[in-house]
Structures are given as structure tokens and as C-alpha cells.
């Protein structure tokens, strides 16, 4: 682990592992520490992974000003990390809610991003709409699972705006290709690693300006990989196709059988796809 200072004086932490070209990684949550990314399915054999703990999570300090949690304001933290690493340009990977921050960073600092990898990304920063039927249709691909009926009923409640705490717990199986004890433990650990109190500030009014961001992305010429999970209701593949079309130089990969954490669902396939994009040597499987 190493630490560096954000422009407002907050001490931030990043964690490095693996060998090879650096790959800066922004976790989701929102505001979850980077630990859950692990080695991204073995990607450390090909890259030096550098995971940022967002302010107020993991080993990073809590800021004095809670308004600084707002997503657009965290762009300065990513830029400070780039400077700390001494990188003129960087490959940037972001998962889930972390993709909102990555897209805002790419829009503001396009010359600093060599490649952008968005893994089952959130769409708030670009203002795309995910309908209830988008999510439910994707979820129905799992209709043969033993837990499906209860989880699907809970997802219907969530998409209809009738969610309770029990509803959110009940839909958890949809986020994983295998709903087993390892997945349950992973979810529980992830929940503990989130800064739930700061999440409203992260998404506060003014955090996103989708029209301006989409306009900026039309001029973002660096290669973009958008990797979706075939069965992920959080980032349904049809909407991910729309997302990819916002960039002039993007490719979409829909990983078969995967959901929201594709490096856990099929590590070999995930690593092959990322390696093919960043190194051009491997063929996706």
C-alpha cells in the first residue's frame, strides 16, 4: 500500500499487486474500498494492478468536507493518483459504480487515458435509461435456478419502487453466476467495505451532467472496452450496447454466463478478454 495527498489535503491510499504494465482500478459500491477486486481473476499475471480506496473507505482518510464525496469532485482524486504514480497516460479500469467516476475523468482528462475498461458499468454519468423490463428480461435468463422465484419477485418490487431491505437482500443471487457460500461471503464482506453514510453525497445533485459528458465522449479517441455480463440485471447487455455507441472507438464484449462480477464468474474468460484488449496477444475464449 502507498498513500498520497488529494488536492484538498485528504490522504488517500492505493494498493498494488502483480507484474506487468500498470492498470489503475476504480472500485464500485459506490464508495467501496478496492479490496473486493482482488486479483481480478488472475489479471495480476499480466498487469500491475493499482486499486484506489476512495476517500472515506478502506485505508483512505475521511475528508473534512462531506460534500467532497460527490462523484464529479472525485475526478481530482484520480488525477492526483496518476501524478503519484508518475504516469503520463494510464490504462484505467472501473467496475460498476466506479465507471461513473472513470467516465467523468476521461471526459475531463482525455489525454491522460490510454485505454478505458468499463466492467459491468453504471450509467448515471451518461444518463442512459435502464427500464424495469430491461432488468427483468435479463433476470429471466436465470429462471431455472432454484432460488429464482423468490429473487425475481424481489426484483419486481425493486424495479417498481417498492423495495425494502429484505428485497435488496433477496435479489443478491442475480449478481453472481453461482449463488453459493462463497458468493454470500463475498457479498457480506463487500457490504461491510462500503461507506453507506457517504453514498447520498456521492450521488448528490450536480454530480452528473449527462449531456455534457456524452458530448465530451464523442471526442474521446482512446480505445474503450465495455465488458458486460450476459445475465447481469444491473447492467443489461442491450443498454451496454447503447453505452458503447457513445464512444468513437469502443468494443462491447458480453461475457457468456457471467453476471455483475465477471472475473469471479469465469476468470479464464475474463482475463483473456482483458489481455486481448490491453496487449493484443491473447484471443478471447
Protein backbone atom coordinates (compact mmCIF):
# COMPACT_ATOMS: atom_id res chain seq x y z
CA UNK A 1 0.00 0.00 0.00
CA UNK A 2 1.09 3.57 -0.64
CA UNK A 3 -0.52 6.88 0.22
CA UNK A 4 -0.74 10.25 -1.48
CA UNK A 5 -2.47 13.56 -0.90
CA UNK A 6 -5.56 14.78 -2.73
CA UNK A 7 -5.76 18.48 -3.68
CA UNK A 8 -7.91 19.20 -0.60
CA UNK A 9 -5.35 17.59 1.72
CA UNK A 10 -7.14 14.26 2.24
CA UNK A 11 -4.74 11.33 2.48
CA UNK A 12 -5.67 8.58 0.04
CA UNK A 13 -4.44 5.01 -0.28
CA UNK A 14 -3.83 2.70 -3.21
CA UNK A 15 -2.90 -0.97 -3.27
CA UNK A 16 -0.55 -2.54 -5.81
CA UNK A 17 -0.16 -6.17 -6.80
CA UNK A 18 1.07 -8.15 -9.76
CA UNK A 19 3.61 -7.65 -12.51
CA UNK A 20 3.42 -6.01 -15.90
CA UNK A 21 2.08 -2.75 -17.29
CA UNK A 22 0.16 -0.72 -14.72
CA UNK A 23 -3.63 -0.86 -14.71
CA UNK A 24 -5.35 1.65 -12.42
CA UNK A 25 -8.58 0.23 -10.97
CA UNK A 26 -11.56 2.16 -9.62
CA UNK A 27 -13.95 0.12 -7.45
CA UNK A 28 -17.73 0.37 -7.39
CA UNK A 29 -20.11 0.47 -4.48
CA UNK A 30 -20.40 3.38 -4.73
CA UNK A 31 -17.68 4.23 -2.23
CA UNK A 32 -16.43 0.71 -1.63
CA UNK A 33 -12.78 0.04 -0.94
CA UNK A 34 -10.80 -1.69 -3.67
CA UNK A 35 -10.18 -4.93 -1.79
CA UNK A 36 -13.11 -6.81 -3.32
CA UNK A 37 -11.49 -6.57 -6.77
CA UNK A 38 -8.80 -8.98 -5.55
CA UNK A 39 -6.51 -10.05 -8.36
CA UNK A 40 -9.34 -9.66 -10.92
CA UNK A 41 -9.40 -13.34 -11.70
CA UNK A 42 -5.63 -13.64 -12.08
CA UNK A 43 -5.05 -10.48 -14.06
CA UNK A 44 -2.04 -9.84 -11.81
CA UNK A 45 -0.13 -12.30 -14.01
CA UNK A 46 -0.32 -9.74 -16.82
CA UNK A 47 -0.66 -6.35 -15.12
CA UNK A 48 0.41 -4.42 -12.07
CA UNK A 49 -2.99 -3.66 -10.59
CA UNK A 50 -3.33 -0.40 -8.68
CA UNK A 51 -6.58 -0.24 -6.74
CA UNK A 52 -7.73 3.07 -5.29
CA UNK A 53 -9.53 3.19 -1.95
CA UNK A 54 -11.92 6.10 -2.46
CA UNK A 55 -11.88 8.74 0.25
CA UNK A 56 -13.67 7.54 3.36
CA UNK A 57 -13.15 3.84 2.55
CA UNK A 58 -10.50 1.24 3.30
CA UNK A 59 -7.15 2.81 4.14
CA UNK A 60 -8.07 6.26 2.79
CA UNK A 61 -8.88 9.04 5.22
CA UNK A 62 -12.29 10.55 5.82
CA UNK A 63 -12.44 14.06 4.34
CA UNK A 64 -13.31 17.09 6.44
CA UNK A 65 -15.85 18.25 3.86
CA UNK A 66 -18.52 15.61 3.23
CA UNK A 67 -19.54 17.42 0.02
CA UNK A 68 -16.21 16.25 -1.43
CA UNK A 69 -17.68 12.74 -1.76
CA UNK A 70 -19.67 13.92 -4.80
CA UNK A 71 -18.68 11.85 -7.80
CA UNK A 72 -17.57 14.71 -10.04
CA UNK A 73 -15.32 16.04 -7.28
CA UNK A 74 -13.52 12.70 -7.04
CA UNK A 75 -12.08 13.27 -10.51
CA UNK A 76 -9.35 15.30 -8.79
CA UNK A 77 -8.51 12.29 -6.61
CA UNK A 78 -7.96 10.13 -9.69
CA UNK A 79 -5.78 12.79 -11.25
CA UNK A 80 -3.77 13.01 -8.02
CA UNK A 81 -3.30 9.23 -8.15
CA UNK A 82 -1.99 9.45 -11.70
CA UNK A 83 0.51 12.07 -10.62
CA UNK A 84 1.52 9.98 -7.61
CA UNK A 85 2.23 7.03 -9.89
CA UNK A 86 4.27 9.18 -12.27
CA UNK A 87 2.22 8.12 -15.29
CA UNK A 88 1.84 10.46 -18.23
CA UNK A 89 -1.07 8.34 -19.51
CA UNK A 90 -2.71 5.38 -17.85
CA UNK A 91 -4.87 2.39 -18.60
CA UNK A 92 -7.96 2.84 -16.43
CA UNK A 93 -10.33 0.05 -15.39
CA UNK A 94 -13.54 0.71 -13.49
CA UNK A 95 -16.21 -1.61 -12.14
CA UNK A 96 -19.90 -0.89 -11.64
CA UNK A 97 -20.43 2.50 -9.93
CA UNK A 98 -16.73 3.23 -10.37
CA UNK A 99 -17.43 3.59 -14.09
CA UNK A 100 -19.27 6.86 -13.41
CA UNK A 101 -16.06 8.31 -11.99
CA UNK A 102 -13.93 6.83 -14.79
CA UNK A 103 -16.16 8.33 -17.48
CA UNK A 104 -16.09 11.74 -15.82
CA UNK A 105 -12.30 11.50 -15.60
CA UNK A 106 -12.00 10.52 -19.28
CA UNK A 107 -14.26 13.41 -20.28
CA UNK A 108 -12.20 15.92 -18.29
CA UNK A 109 -8.72 14.47 -18.93
CA UNK A 110 -8.94 12.58 -22.25
CA UNK A 111 -5.24 12.98 -22.91
CA UNK A 112 -4.40 11.13 -19.69
CA UNK A 113 -6.25 7.88 -20.56
CA UNK A 114 -4.51 5.45 -22.86
CA UNK A 115 -7.22 2.77 -22.64
CA UNK A 116 -10.51 2.71 -20.76
CA UNK A 117 -12.05 -0.53 -19.49
CA UNK A 118 -15.61 -0.37 -18.13
CA UNK A 119 -16.68 -3.57 -16.40
CA UNK A 120 -20.45 -4.05 -15.90
CA UNK A 121 -20.72 -0.27 -15.59
CA UNK A 122 -23.25 2.03 -14.02
CA UNK A 123 -24.82 4.50 -16.46
CA UNK A 124 -25.65 7.55 -14.31
CA UNK A 125 -22.80 9.66 -15.67
CA UNK A 126 -24.06 9.31 -19.24
CA UNK A 127 -27.78 9.41 -18.47
CA UNK A 128 -28.83 6.18 -20.16
CA UNK A 129 -32.13 4.67 -19.10
CA UNK A 130 -32.39 1.10 -17.81
CA UNK A 131 -36.06 0.16 -17.76
CA UNK A 132 -37.69 -2.31 -15.42
CA UNK A 133 -38.21 -4.67 -18.34
CA UNK A 134 -34.51 -4.40 -19.30
CA UNK A 135 -33.63 -5.72 -15.85
CA UNK A 136 -36.42 -8.28 -15.63
CA UNK A 137 -35.80 -9.71 -19.09
CA UNK A 138 -32.14 -10.23 -18.22
CA UNK A 139 -33.08 -11.77 -14.90
CA UNK A 140 -35.41 -14.25 -16.59
CA UNK A 141 -32.38 -15.91 -18.17
CA UNK A 142 -31.91 -17.46 -14.71
CA UNK A 143 -35.44 -18.90 -14.50
CA UNK A 144 -34.16 -22.46 -13.98
CA UNK A 145 -32.24 -21.60 -10.81
CA UNK A 146 -33.74 -23.00 -7.55
CA UNK A 147 -33.76 -19.55 -5.94
CA UNK A 148 -35.32 -17.78 -8.96
CA UNK A 149 -38.95 -17.35 -7.85
CA UNK A 150 -38.22 -15.50 -4.62
CA UNK A 151 -35.39 -13.45 -6.14
CA UNK A 152 -37.47 -12.48 -9.17
CA UNK A 153 -40.41 -11.37 -7.01
CA UNK A 154 -37.99 -9.20 -5.02
CA UNK A 155 -36.54 -7.74 -8.23
CA UNK A 156 -40.05 -6.89 -9.42
CA UNK A 157 -40.54 -4.98 -6.17
CA UNK A 158 -37.22 -3.18 -6.60
CA UNK A 159 -37.92 -2.15 -10.18
CA UNK A 160 -41.42 -0.98 -9.23
CA UNK A 161 -40.07 1.28 -6.48
CA UNK A 162 -41.42 -0.92 -3.68
CA UNK A 163 -38.07 -2.17 -2.42
CA UNK A 164 -37.47 -2.98 1.22
CA UNK A 165 -34.23 -4.02 2.89
CA UNK A 166 -35.43 -7.61 2.51
CA UNK A 167 -35.98 -7.06 -1.23
CA UNK A 168 -32.41 -5.95 -1.77
CA UNK A 169 -31.10 -8.95 0.16
CA UNK A 170 -33.32 -11.32 -1.83
CA UNK A 171 -32.08 -10.17 -5.26
CA UNK A 172 -28.44 -10.87 -4.40
CA UNK A 173 -28.30 -14.20 -6.28
CA UNK A 174 -28.76 -12.38 -9.57
CA UNK A 175 -25.38 -10.66 -9.20
CA UNK A 176 -23.44 -13.96 -9.33
CA UNK A 177 -23.18 -16.85 -11.77
CA UNK A 178 -23.18 -19.23 -8.79
CA UNK A 179 -25.13 -18.44 -5.64
CA UNK A 180 -23.18 -20.41 -3.06
CA UNK A 181 -21.49 -19.85 0.27
CA UNK A 182 -18.52 -18.13 -1.38
CA UNK A 183 -20.84 -15.66 -3.12
CA UNK A 184 -22.73 -15.00 0.12
CA UNK A 185 -19.48 -14.32 1.96
CA UNK A 186 -18.27 -12.06 -0.84
CA UNK A 187 -21.47 -10.00 -0.68
CA UNK A 188 -21.35 -9.69 3.09
CA UNK A 189 -17.72 -8.55 3.03
CA UNK A 190 -18.47 -6.07 0.27
CA UNK A 191 -21.35 -4.57 2.21
CA UNK A 192 -19.08 -4.01 5.21
CA UNK A 193 -16.48 -2.32 2.97
CA UNK A 194 -18.90 0.33 1.67
CA UNK A 195 -19.27 3.81 3.11
CA UNK A 196 -23.06 3.74 3.22
CA UNK A 197 -23.33 7.07 5.03
CA UNK A 198 -21.48 8.92 2.27
CA UNK A 199 -23.36 7.33 -0.65
CA UNK A 200 -26.07 10.05 -0.79
CA UNK A 201 -23.39 12.74 -1.02
CA UNK A 202 -21.69 10.79 -3.81
CA UNK A 203 -24.85 10.91 -5.92
CA UNK A 204 -25.95 14.40 -4.86
CA UNK A 205 -27.49 16.88 -7.24
CA UNK A 206 -24.86 18.26 -9.59
CA UNK A 207 -22.72 15.13 -9.57
CA UNK A 208 -23.58 14.35 -13.18
CA UNK A 209 -24.19 16.40 -16.33
CA UNK A 210 -25.02 13.61 -18.79
CA UNK A 211 -25.50 15.70 -21.93
CA UNK A 212 -22.17 17.46 -21.48
CA UNK A 213 -20.43 14.19 -20.67
CA UNK A 214 -21.82 12.43 -23.72
CA UNK A 215 -20.71 15.35 -25.87
CA UNK A 216 -17.18 15.16 -24.45
CA UNK A 217 -17.04 11.41 -25.07
CA UNK A 218 -17.67 11.88 -28.79
CA UNK A 219 -14.13 13.28 -28.95
CA UNK A 220 -12.56 10.60 -26.72
CA UNK A 221 -10.42 8.72 -29.22
CA UNK A 222 -8.66 6.22 -26.96
CA UNK A 223 -9.75 2.57 -27.16
CA UNK A 224 -12.61 1.58 -24.86
CA UNK A 225 -13.61 -1.90 -23.75
CA UNK A 226 -17.08 -2.26 -22.32
CA UNK A 227 -17.49 -5.71 -20.77
CA UNK A 228 -20.99 -6.80 -19.77
CA UNK A 229 -22.27 -9.94 -18.10
CA UNK A 230 -24.83 -11.87 -20.12
CA UNK A 231 -27.15 -12.31 -17.11
CA UNK A 232 -26.45 -9.08 -15.20
CA UNK A 233 -29.67 -7.16 -14.40
CA UNK A 234 -27.60 -4.26 -13.03
CA UNK A 235 -26.03 -3.60 -16.44
CA UNK A 236 -28.23 -5.34 -19.04
CA UNK A 237 -26.43 -6.05 -22.33
CA UNK A 238 -28.90 -4.11 -24.54
CA UNK A 239 -28.19 -0.93 -22.57
CA UNK A 240 -24.47 -1.69 -22.57
CA UNK A 241 -24.63 -1.68 -26.38
CA UNK A 242 -26.03 1.85 -26.21
CA UNK A 243 -23.23 2.78 -23.82
CA UNK A 244 -20.54 1.51 -26.18
CA UNK A 245 -22.03 3.55 -29.01
CA UNK A 246 -21.29 6.77 -27.11
CA UNK A 247 -17.57 6.35 -27.85
CA UNK A 248 -15.93 6.62 -31.28
CA UNK A 249 -13.54 3.72 -30.60
CA UNK A 250 -15.29 1.18 -28.35
CA UNK A 251 -15.90 -2.53 -28.41
CA UNK A 252 -18.52 -4.39 -26.41
CA UNK A 253 -17.97 -7.89 -25.07
CA UNK A 254 -20.85 -9.75 -23.44
CA UNK A 255 -19.32 -12.48 -21.31
CA UNK A 256 -21.47 -15.65 -21.54
CA UNK A 257 -22.90 -16.89 -18.26
CA UNK A 258 -21.47 -14.00 -16.29
CA UNK A 259 -23.30 -11.51 -14.12
CA UNK A 260 -22.07 -8.45 -12.23
CA UNK A 261 -18.64 -9.79 -11.19
CA UNK A 262 -17.37 -11.46 -14.38
CA UNK A 263 -13.85 -12.05 -13.07
CA UNK A 264 -15.36 -14.26 -10.36
CA UNK A 265 -17.86 -15.97 -12.66
CA UNK A 266 -15.31 -17.10 -15.27
CA UNK A 267 -11.81 -15.90 -14.51
CA UNK A 268 -10.17 -17.51 -17.55
CA UNK A 269 -12.56 -15.89 -19.99
CA UNK A 270 -12.41 -12.51 -18.23
CA UNK A 271 -8.60 -12.39 -18.16
CA UNK A 272 -8.36 -13.49 -21.79
CA UNK A 273 -10.68 -10.70 -22.89
CA UNK A 274 -8.87 -8.04 -20.90
CA UNK A 275 -5.47 -9.27 -22.05
CA UNK A 276 -6.61 -9.24 -25.66
CA UNK A 277 -7.73 -5.64 -25.28
CA UNK A 278 -4.69 -4.32 -23.43
CA UNK A 279 -1.99 -6.42 -25.04
CA UNK A 280 -3.38 -7.67 -28.31
CA UNK A 281 -1.84 -11.10 -27.88
CA UNK A 282 -4.49 -13.35 -26.39
CA UNK A 283 -7.66 -14.47 -28.17
CA UNK A 284 -10.85 -14.21 -26.09
CA UNK A 285 -12.44 -17.54 -25.21
